[in-house]
Protein backbone atom coordinates (compact mmCIF):
# COMPACT_ATOMS: atom_id res chain seq x y z
CA UNK A 1 76.32 69.68 119.71
CA UNK A 2 78.92 67.21 118.73
CA UNK A 3 81.83 68.66 117.08
CA UNK A 4 81.10 66.48 113.84
CA UNK A 5 77.65 68.13 113.16
CA UNK A 6 78.93 71.22 112.05
CA UNK A 7 79.25 70.64 108.18
CA UNK A 8 75.76 69.37 108.43
CA UNK A 9 74.15 72.15 110.60
CA UNK A 10 75.42 74.60 108.12
CA UNK A 11 74.05 73.00 104.74
CA UNK A 12 70.99 72.83 106.80
CA UNK A 13 71.17 76.45 107.61
CA UNK A 14 70.86 75.57 111.57
CA UNK A 15 74.63 77.16 112.20
CA UNK A 16 76.41 80.16 110.71
CA UNK A 17 80.23 80.42 109.59
CA UNK A 18 81.58 83.52 110.82
CA UNK A 19 84.28 85.18 108.89
CA UNK A 20 86.68 87.56 111.25
CA UNK A 21 88.56 90.16 109.41
CA UNK A 22 87.04 91.50 106.00
CA UNK A 23 90.03 92.40 104.15
CA UNK A 24 91.51 91.16 100.89
CA UNK A 25 91.42 87.43 102.19
CA UNK A 26 88.66 87.53 104.40
CA UNK A 27 86.33 89.58 102.12
CA UNK A 28 86.06 86.90 99.31
CA UNK A 29 85.98 83.38 101.28
CA UNK A 30 83.01 85.34 103.09
CA UNK A 31 80.76 86.10 99.92
CA UNK A 32 81.95 82.70 98.54
CA UNK A 33 80.73 80.82 101.30
CA UNK A 34 77.51 83.26 101.39
CA UNK A 35 76.53 81.61 98.34
CA UNK A 36 76.50 78.27 100.21
CA UNK A 37 75.57 78.82 103.96
CA UNK A 38 74.90 81.72 106.26
CA UNK A 39 77.52 83.69 107.18
CA UNK A 40 78.94 86.31 109.61
CA UNK A 41 81.11 89.02 108.62
CA UNK A 42 82.89 90.38 111.39
CA UNK A 43 85.21 93.43 111.34
CA UNK A 44 86.09 95.98 114.12
CA UNK A 45 86.32 99.12 110.91
CA UNK A 46 82.78 100.46 111.18
CA UNK A 47 83.60 102.61 107.90
CA UNK A 48 84.56 99.39 106.20
CA UNK A 49 81.46 97.40 107.30
CA UNK A 50 79.34 100.74 106.25
CA UNK A 51 80.70 100.18 102.60
CA UNK A 52 80.52 96.42 102.73
CA UNK A 53 76.75 96.87 103.40
CA UNK A 54 76.33 98.67 100.38
CA UNK A 55 78.09 96.03 98.48
CA UNK A 56 81.31 98.21 98.06
CA UNK A 57 84.75 96.71 98.57
CA UNK A 58 86.87 99.29 100.30
CA UNK A 59 90.15 97.35 98.36
CA UNK A 60 88.55 97.49 95.04
CA UNK A 61 89.05 93.58 94.40
CA UNK A 62 85.73 92.30 94.74
CA UNK A 63 83.04 93.38 92.05
CA UNK A 64 79.75 94.48 93.27
CA UNK A 65 77.98 91.22 91.60
CA UNK A 66 79.51 89.27 93.95
CA UNK A 67 77.88 90.64 96.99
CA UNK A 68 74.49 89.57 95.25
CA UNK A 69 72.33 86.75 96.30
CA UNK A 70 74.68 86.23 99.22
CA UNK A 71 73.64 85.29 102.86
CA UNK A 72 75.74 87.41 104.98
CA UNK A 73 75.52 89.64 107.69
CA UNK A 74 78.20 92.52 108.19
CA UNK A 75 78.97 93.20 112.08
CA UNK A 76 80.96 94.49 114.32
CA UNK A 77 78.74 93.31 117.23
CA UNK A 78 80.14 90.31 119.41
CA UNK A 79 76.53 88.93 120.41
CA UNK A 80 75.87 88.51 116.50
CA UNK A 81 79.28 86.89 116.15
CA UNK A 82 78.52 84.37 119.00
CA UNK A 83 75.52 82.96 116.69
CA UNK A 84 78.18 81.58 114.65
CA UNK A 85 79.46 77.63 115.45
CA UNK A 86 82.46 77.74 112.70
CA UNK A 87 84.96 80.78 112.84
CA UNK A 88 87.36 81.61 110.16
CA UNK A 89 90.06 84.13 111.33
CA UNK A 90 91.85 85.92 108.87
CA UNK A 91 93.31 89.11 110.07
CA UNK A 92 96.75 90.48 109.53
CA UNK A 93 99.83 89.55 110.49
CA UNK A 94 102.32 92.24 109.99
CA UNK A 95 105.89 92.79 111.52
CA UNK A 96 106.64 96.17 113.43
CA UNK A 97 109.48 98.52 113.11
CA UNK A 98 112.39 95.94 114.02
CA UNK A 99 110.82 93.57 111.76
CA UNK A 100 109.78 91.28 114.62
CA UNK A 101 106.35 89.55 114.13
CA UNK A 102 103.39 91.95 115.31
CA UNK A 103 100.70 89.23 116.32
CA UNK A 104 98.16 91.67 118.49
CA UNK A 105 95.59 92.05 115.44
CA UNK A 106 95.62 87.98 115.49
CA UNK A 107 95.83 87.58 119.24
CA UNK A 108 92.95 90.13 119.70
CA UNK A 109 90.92 88.40 117.18
CA UNK A 110 91.47 85.48 118.96
CA UNK A 111 90.35 86.67 122.07
CA UNK A 112 87.10 88.11 120.61
CA UNK A 113 86.31 84.46 119.36
CA UNK A 114 87.14 83.28 122.79
CA UNK A 115 84.68 85.24 124.24
CA UNK A 116 81.94 83.83 122.26
CA UNK A 117 83.16 80.43 121.32
CA UNK A 118 80.74 77.62 122.73
CA UNK A 119 81.07 73.47 122.89
CA UNK A 120 81.06 72.50 119.73
CA UNK A 121 82.27 75.11 117.64
CA UNK A 122 85.21 75.11 115.33
CA UNK A 123 88.10 77.91 114.92
CA UNK A 124 90.33 77.78 111.76
CA UNK A 125 92.87 80.82 111.25
CA UNK A 126 94.02 81.69 107.83
CA UNK A 127 96.72 84.65 108.99
CA UNK A 128 100.16 83.77 107.66
CA UNK A 129 102.06 82.81 111.26
CA UNK A 130 105.28 80.77 111.89
CA UNK A 131 105.34 77.05 112.53
CA UNK A 132 103.66 76.46 116.10
CA UNK A 133 101.84 80.26 116.32
CA UNK A 134 98.43 78.58 115.89
CA UNK A 135 99.00 75.74 118.88
CA UNK A 136 101.28 78.12 120.71
CA UNK A 137 99.66 81.63 120.95
CA UNK A 138 96.21 81.15 119.73
CA UNK A 139 94.36 78.03 121.36
CA UNK A 140 95.56 78.66 124.84
CA UNK A 141 93.51 82.22 124.93
CA UNK A 142 90.65 80.23 123.30
CA UNK A 143 90.63 78.05 126.05
CA UNK A 144 91.64 80.16 128.50
CA UNK A 145 88.62 82.68 127.52
CA UNK A 146 85.90 80.15 126.77
CA UNK A 147 86.31 77.97 129.38
CA UNK A 148 86.56 75.13 126.70
CA UNK A 149 88.86 72.45 126.54
CA UNK A 150 90.65 72.36 122.84
CA UNK A 151 89.87 69.34 121.01
CA UNK A 152 87.09 67.79 123.41
CA UNK A 153 84.61 70.99 123.53
CA UNK A 154 86.07 73.01 120.54
CA UNK A 155 88.01 71.29 117.50
CA UNK A 156 90.29 74.06 115.43
CA UNK A 157 92.36 73.86 112.48
CA UNK A 158 95.02 75.81 110.00
CA UNK A 159 94.21 76.41 106.61
CA UNK A 160 96.70 79.12 104.60
CA UNK A 161 95.18 81.91 102.32
CA UNK A 162 96.43 81.93 98.81
CA UNK A 163 94.71 84.96 97.62
CA UNK A 164 96.45 87.00 95.27
CA UNK A 165 95.73 90.65 95.04
CA UNK A 166 94.99 91.88 91.41
CA UNK A 167 95.08 88.15 90.17
CA UNK A 168 91.96 87.77 88.15
CA UNK A 169 93.07 84.30 86.91
CA UNK A 170 94.21 82.41 90.41
CA UNK A 171 90.94 82.88 92.62
CA UNK A 172 89.92 80.87 95.26
CA UNK A 173 87.78 78.45 93.77
CA UNK A 174 90.56 77.12 91.56
CA UNK A 175 93.41 77.18 93.61
CA UNK A 176 94.01 74.21 95.84
CA UNK A 177 93.46 74.97 99.62
CA UNK A 178 95.84 73.60 102.36
CA UNK A 179 93.82 72.61 105.29
CA UNK A 180 95.06 71.00 108.58
CA UNK A 181 93.04 70.02 111.71
CA UNK A 182 93.89 69.29 115.62
CA UNK A 183 92.74 65.80 115.05
CA UNK A 184 91.60 63.39 111.99
CA UNK A 185 87.71 64.57 113.11
CA UNK A 186 88.68 68.22 112.78
CA UNK A 187 90.54 67.74 109.55
CA UNK A 188 87.70 65.77 107.69
CA UNK A 189 85.22 68.47 108.78
CA UNK A 190 87.44 71.29 107.96
CA UNK A 191 88.20 69.86 104.57
CA UNK A 192 84.50 69.46 103.70
CA UNK A 193 83.65 72.97 104.57
CA UNK A 194 86.43 74.46 102.66
CA UNK A 195 84.93 71.99 99.80
CA UNK A 196 82.02 74.09 99.37
CA UNK A 197 83.77 76.88 97.85
CA UNK A 198 86.94 75.56 96.55
CA UNK A 199 86.35 73.57 93.70
CA UNK A 200 89.86 72.87 92.77
CA UNK A 201 90.00 70.51 96.06
CA UNK A 202 91.96 70.56 99.24
CA UNK A 203 95.30 69.36 100.47
CA UNK A 204 95.17 67.60 103.48
CA UNK A 205 98.50 67.79 105.90
CA UNK A 206 99.24 65.41 108.54
CA UNK A 207 99.71 68.73 111.32
CA UNK A 208 98.76 72.19 111.84
CA UNK A 209 102.43 73.03 112.01
CA UNK A 210 103.03 71.64 108.01
CA UNK A 211 100.49 73.78 107.20
CA UNK A 212 101.83 76.79 108.27
CA UNK A 213 105.43 76.12 106.98
CA UNK A 214 104.02 75.36 103.79
CA UNK A 215 102.43 78.66 103.57
CA UNK A 216 105.30 80.61 104.77
CA UNK A 217 107.88 79.13 102.37
CA UNK A 218 105.34 79.77 99.48
CA UNK A 219 106.39 83.76 99.57
CA UNK A 220 109.59 82.95 101.48
CA UNK A 221 110.76 81.07 98.40
CA UNK A 222 109.46 84.04 96.00
CA UNK A 223 111.35 86.34 98.04
CA UNK A 224 114.67 84.30 97.96
CA UNK A 225 114.61 84.04 94.25
CA UNK A 226 113.68 87.94 93.46
CA UNK A 227 116.30 88.72 96.08
CA UNK A 228 118.60 86.69 93.22
CA UNK A 229 117.82 88.44 90.69
CA UNK A 230 117.99 91.90 92.15
CA UNK A 231 121.52 91.11 92.92
CA UNK A 232 122.29 90.14 89.75
CA UNK A 233 120.48 93.46 88.09
CA UNK A 234 123.32 95.36 90.53
CA UNK A 235 126.02 93.38 89.04
CA UNK A 236 124.34 93.58 85.26
CA UNK A 237 124.22 97.36 85.72
CA UNK A 238 127.82 97.51 86.57
CA UNK A 239 129.05 95.40 83.77
CA UNK A 240 126.74 97.39 81.21
CA UNK A 241 124.11 94.87 80.62
CA UNK A 242 120.68 94.71 80.75
CA UNK A 243 119.22 92.24 83.22
CA UNK A 244 115.89 91.59 81.34
CA UNK A 245 117.97 90.68 77.84
CA UNK A 246 119.92 88.14 80.26
CA UNK A 247 116.71 86.65 81.94
CA UNK A 248 115.42 86.36 77.89
CA UNK A 249 118.32 84.69 76.87
CA UNK A 250 118.62 82.34 80.05
CA UNK A 251 115.18 81.51 79.59
CA UNK A 252 115.59 79.61 76.27
CA UNK A 253 116.81 76.81 78.57
CA UNK A 254 114.24 74.29 79.42
CA UNK A 255 114.67 74.15 83.14
CA UNK A 256 115.53 77.48 83.89
CA UNK A 257 113.24 79.29 86.44
CA UNK A 258 111.89 82.79 85.41
CA UNK A 259 112.07 85.67 88.79
CA UNK A 260 112.49 89.04 87.56
CA UNK A 261 114.17 91.74 89.47
CA UNK A 262 111.75 94.85 91.30
CA UNK A 263 110.51 96.20 94.15
CA UNK A 264 109.43 93.58 97.43
CA UNK A 265 106.66 95.18 99.19
CA UNK A 266 103.12 94.22 100.49
CA UNK A 267 102.00 92.16 103.24
CA UNK A 268 103.12 88.82 101.77
CA UNK A 269 106.48 88.40 100.25
CA UNK A 270 107.99 91.48 101.98
CA UNK A 271 106.39 90.33 105.66
CA UNK A 272 106.25 86.45 105.55
CA UNK A 273 109.86 85.66 105.72
CA UNK A 274 110.37 87.90 108.82
CA UNK A 275 108.13 85.25 110.69
CA UNK A 276 110.49 82.22 109.90
CA UNK A 277 113.28 84.28 110.75
CA UNK A 278 111.92 84.73 114.39
CA UNK A 279 110.94 81.23 114.74
CA UNK A 280 114.47 79.93 113.61
CA UNK A 281 115.97 82.43 115.87
CA UNK A 282 113.94 81.03 118.81
CA UNK A 283 115.47 77.82 117.84
CA UNK A 284 118.89 79.14 117.87
CA UNK A 285 119.48 79.09 114.35
CA UNK A 286 120.21 81.82 112.11
CA UNK A 287 118.95 81.31 108.66
CA UNK A 288 121.46 83.08 106.37
CA UNK A 289 120.10 82.83 103.26
CA UNK A 290 116.82 84.05 103.75
CA UNK A 291 117.89 86.79 105.83
CA UNK A 292 120.39 87.83 102.72
CA UNK A 293 117.61 87.78 100.51
CA UNK A 294 115.29 90.21 102.90
CA UNK A 295 118.44 92.37 103.19
CA UNK A 296 119.03 92.92 99.40
CA UNK A 297 114.70 93.26 98.74
CA UNK A 298 114.41 95.65 101.38
CA UNK A 299 117.19 97.66 100.14
CA UNK A 300 116.19 97.81 96.63
CA UNK A 301 114.66 101.23 96.86
CA UNK A 302 117.29 102.74 98.31
CA UNK A 303 119.37 101.44 95.24
CA UNK A 304 117.16 102.65 93.16
CA UNK A 305 116.92 106.26 94.22
CA UNK A 306 120.71 106.59 94.25
CA UNK A 307 121.43 105.22 90.37
CA UNK A 308 118.78 108.26 89.47
CA UNK A 309 120.44 110.58 91.36
CA UNK A 310 123.39 109.08 89.84
CA UNK A 311 121.81 109.67 86.07
CA UNK A 312 120.71 112.96 87.07
CA UNK A 313 124.04 114.31 87.89
CA UNK A 314 125.45 112.64 84.83
CA UNK A 315 123.53 114.76 82.83
CA UNK A 316 125.14 117.77 84.47
CA UNK A 317 122.56 118.88 86.43
CA UNK A 318 122.59 119.09 90.55
CA UNK A 319 120.16 116.67 92.70
CA UNK A 320 119.42 119.60 94.83
CA UNK A 321 115.77 121.08 93.38
CA UNK A 322 115.94 118.52 89.87
CA UNK A 323 112.24 117.61 89.84
CA UNK A 324 111.68 113.91 89.88
CA UNK A 325 108.31 111.97 89.24
CA UNK A 326 107.23 108.64 90.38
CA UNK A 327 104.66 107.18 88.96
CA UNK A 328 103.10 104.42 90.93
CA UNK A 329 102.71 104.24 94.88
CA UNK A 330 101.17 100.84 95.40
CA UNK A 331 102.93 97.75 96.71
CA UNK A 332 102.61 96.25 92.99
CA UNK A 333 100.70 96.32 89.71
CA UNK A 334 97.19 96.72 89.42
CA UNK A 335 95.78 96.98 92.99
CA UNK A 336 95.28 99.82 95.28
CA UNK A 337 97.03 98.61 98.52
CA UNK A 338 99.51 100.56 99.69
CA UNK A 339 100.42 98.50 102.49
CA UNK A 340 104.29 98.10 103.07
CA UNK A 341 104.79 100.10 99.57
CA UNK A 342 108.62 99.93 98.53
CA UNK A 343 108.17 102.95 96.48
CA UNK A 344 108.15 105.30 99.58
CA UNK A 345 111.96 104.33 99.94
CA UNK A 346 112.71 105.36 96.37
CA UNK A 347 110.61 108.78 97.40
CA UNK A 348 112.78 109.08 101.01
CA UNK A 349 115.76 108.70 99.56
CA UNK A 350 115.74 111.08 96.73
CA UNK A 351 114.36 113.74 99.24
CA UNK A 352 117.08 113.06 101.33
CA UNK A 353 119.56 114.23 98.43
CA UNK A 354 117.52 117.76 97.63
CA UNK A 355 115.15 116.20 94.69
CA UNK A 356 111.74 117.74 94.64
CA UNK A 357 109.78 114.60 94.29
CA UNK A 358 105.99 114.44 92.90
CA UNK A 359 104.09 111.12 92.84
CA UNK A 360 101.08 109.97 91.10
CA UNK A 361 99.02 106.87 90.74
CA UNK A 362 95.73 105.92 89.37
CA UNK A 363 94.98 103.37 91.81
CA UNK A 364 95.83 104.48 95.23
CA UNK A 365 93.60 106.27 97.51
CA UNK A 366 94.94 109.95 98.29
CA UNK A 367 93.91 109.99 101.68
CA UNK A 368 95.55 106.61 102.42
CA UNK A 369 98.55 107.85 101.22
CA UNK A 370 98.66 111.14 103.01
CA UNK A 371 97.98 109.28 106.65
CA UNK A 372 100.24 106.18 105.74
CA UNK A 373 103.30 108.13 104.29
CA UNK A 374 103.08 111.70 104.47
CA UNK A 375 103.11 111.84 100.77
CA UNK A 376 100.51 113.86 98.53
CA UNK A 377 99.41 112.28 95.52
CA UNK A 378 99.24 114.72 92.63
CA UNK A 379 96.10 114.37 90.10
CA UNK A 380 98.33 114.45 87.13
CA UNK A 381 101.96 115.14 86.45
CA UNK A 382 103.50 118.57 86.14
CA UNK A 383 105.98 119.63 83.56
CA UNK A 384 110.18 119.98 83.74
CA UNK A 385 110.96 116.37 85.31
CA UNK A 386 114.72 115.76 85.12
CA UNK A 387 113.96 112.04 86.22
CA UNK A 388 110.49 110.06 85.43
CA UNK A 389 110.59 107.00 87.76
CA UNK A 390 108.01 104.09 86.41
CA UNK A 391 107.94 102.47 89.60
CA UNK A 392 104.68 100.20 89.65
CA UNK A 393 103.60 98.55 85.99
CA UNK A 394 99.83 99.49 86.46
CA UNK A 395 97.79 98.33 83.35
CA UNK A 396 97.23 102.43 83.07
CA UNK A 397 101.01 102.49 82.12
CA UNK A 398 102.04 99.60 79.91
CA UNK A 399 100.85 101.32 76.39
CA UNK A 400 102.37 105.18 77.21
CA UNK A 401 104.30 106.14 74.27
CA UNK A 402 107.81 108.07 74.59
CA UNK A 403 106.08 111.05 72.93
CA UNK A 404 103.86 110.99 76.29
CA UNK A 405 107.12 111.14 78.40
CA UNK A 406 109.12 113.19 76.15
CA UNK A 407 106.04 115.93 76.87
CA UNK A 408 106.75 116.42 80.58
CA UNK A 409 110.64 115.69 80.46
CA UNK A 410 113.55 118.69 80.56
CA UNK A 411 116.14 118.70 78.06
CA UNK A 412 118.47 115.36 79.22
CA UNK A 413 115.64 113.97 81.51
CA UNK A 414 116.25 110.36 82.33
CA UNK A 415 113.25 107.77 82.00
CA UNK A 416 113.76 105.01 84.99
CA UNK A 417 111.73 101.73 84.09
CA UNK A 418 112.17 99.51 87.52
CA UNK A 419 110.28 96.85 85.53
CA UNK A 420 111.72 96.95 81.89
CA UNK A 421 108.17 97.42 80.51
CA UNK A 422 109.51 99.76 78.05
CA UNK A 423 112.72 98.49 77.19
CA UNK A 424 113.39 99.01 73.15
CA UNK A 425 110.77 101.51 73.04
CA UNK A 426 112.94 104.62 74.23
CA UNK A 427 115.39 106.00 71.86
CA UNK A 428 114.84 109.99 72.64
CA UNK A 429 115.02 110.23 76.12
CA UNK A 430 117.90 108.85 78.58
CA UNK A 431 116.67 105.12 79.93
CA UNK A 432 118.00 103.08 83.15
CA UNK A 433 116.27 100.06 84.19
CA UNK A 434 117.12 97.28 86.70
């Protein structure tokens, strides 16, 4: 089969498309393609696969109706995976304890594809990586395990994911997709395949490295800008002015770019810049602004915890034995994802000061939180808290009244409103926000 044939073969249902990795990126993409072409949804997590076969998304991001009418098979079988002719790899690319790229999931997924790769197949990567990773790390594995020659026997490309968990406005179909290929034929074929599901269109890049770099700076830019806001919030707190009031005032100028301070966790903004730092170091360059931004954002949880303790002490209480309620455990609002949640830093720091910390979250899975962080979520808040920290502004928290907080606060308690959602609404409780 010639490599250029795959698009037509998919449309004619003579070939199948495979999604390797069915997380928050892979599953929506798999289901979208399954409305157009036959799809193999591959994952190594049997528990996840069991739920997917029932039409349930373990992350809660994809509605049940999206499974309906989909030509898709969920499997962990490499033999079934090998029936595909167009592979999309969408596995996580985390960092290790030293903040270095952890390519193990990506390379293992690549090896899986390499073992079943056939002449004429396509492989496209969506996982966020540093520029050069696809060609330098992944393609050699594909060649070695398949015995095939890249560019001649199989084609490959890179199309970075742009899925934003919890965002119902910017979706796969209405967000422009970046595509790249190992040559002109690959680029055009990959662009046509993605065009089946991305109605907003595709943007072709001149090389795979450009596509990789474009993805990684999307989140690096946000990280640096949020770090600036976080640093400003620390300064403004010492001056005695509210950061959000300052942002509202500055925002009246036409060219002011609005970013807000806060916790930066998750598997994108809190992780991706480290991939660029790693590659820069490999090229003997130390990226000072990116590294500084990462330091500021990585330390904000500890900073907030220290401010909570200061507020408790200023009320004439000891931090030792003080009761603190933390509301929100996920890495951001309106999602169930707890990966790389910086709320954990707040909890750990306050416990080191002797506080008794309780945590609630209407969206996080209690078992996952316990397994990942050793924190037991409470079903409902208790009473007599010396500090209440609203760390994640879930939709469920947006309309809570001061009466609600007062009902479970001790005399002199402080409400810590990390994202400033109750600014101007609190009069009886002591109040602090970034």
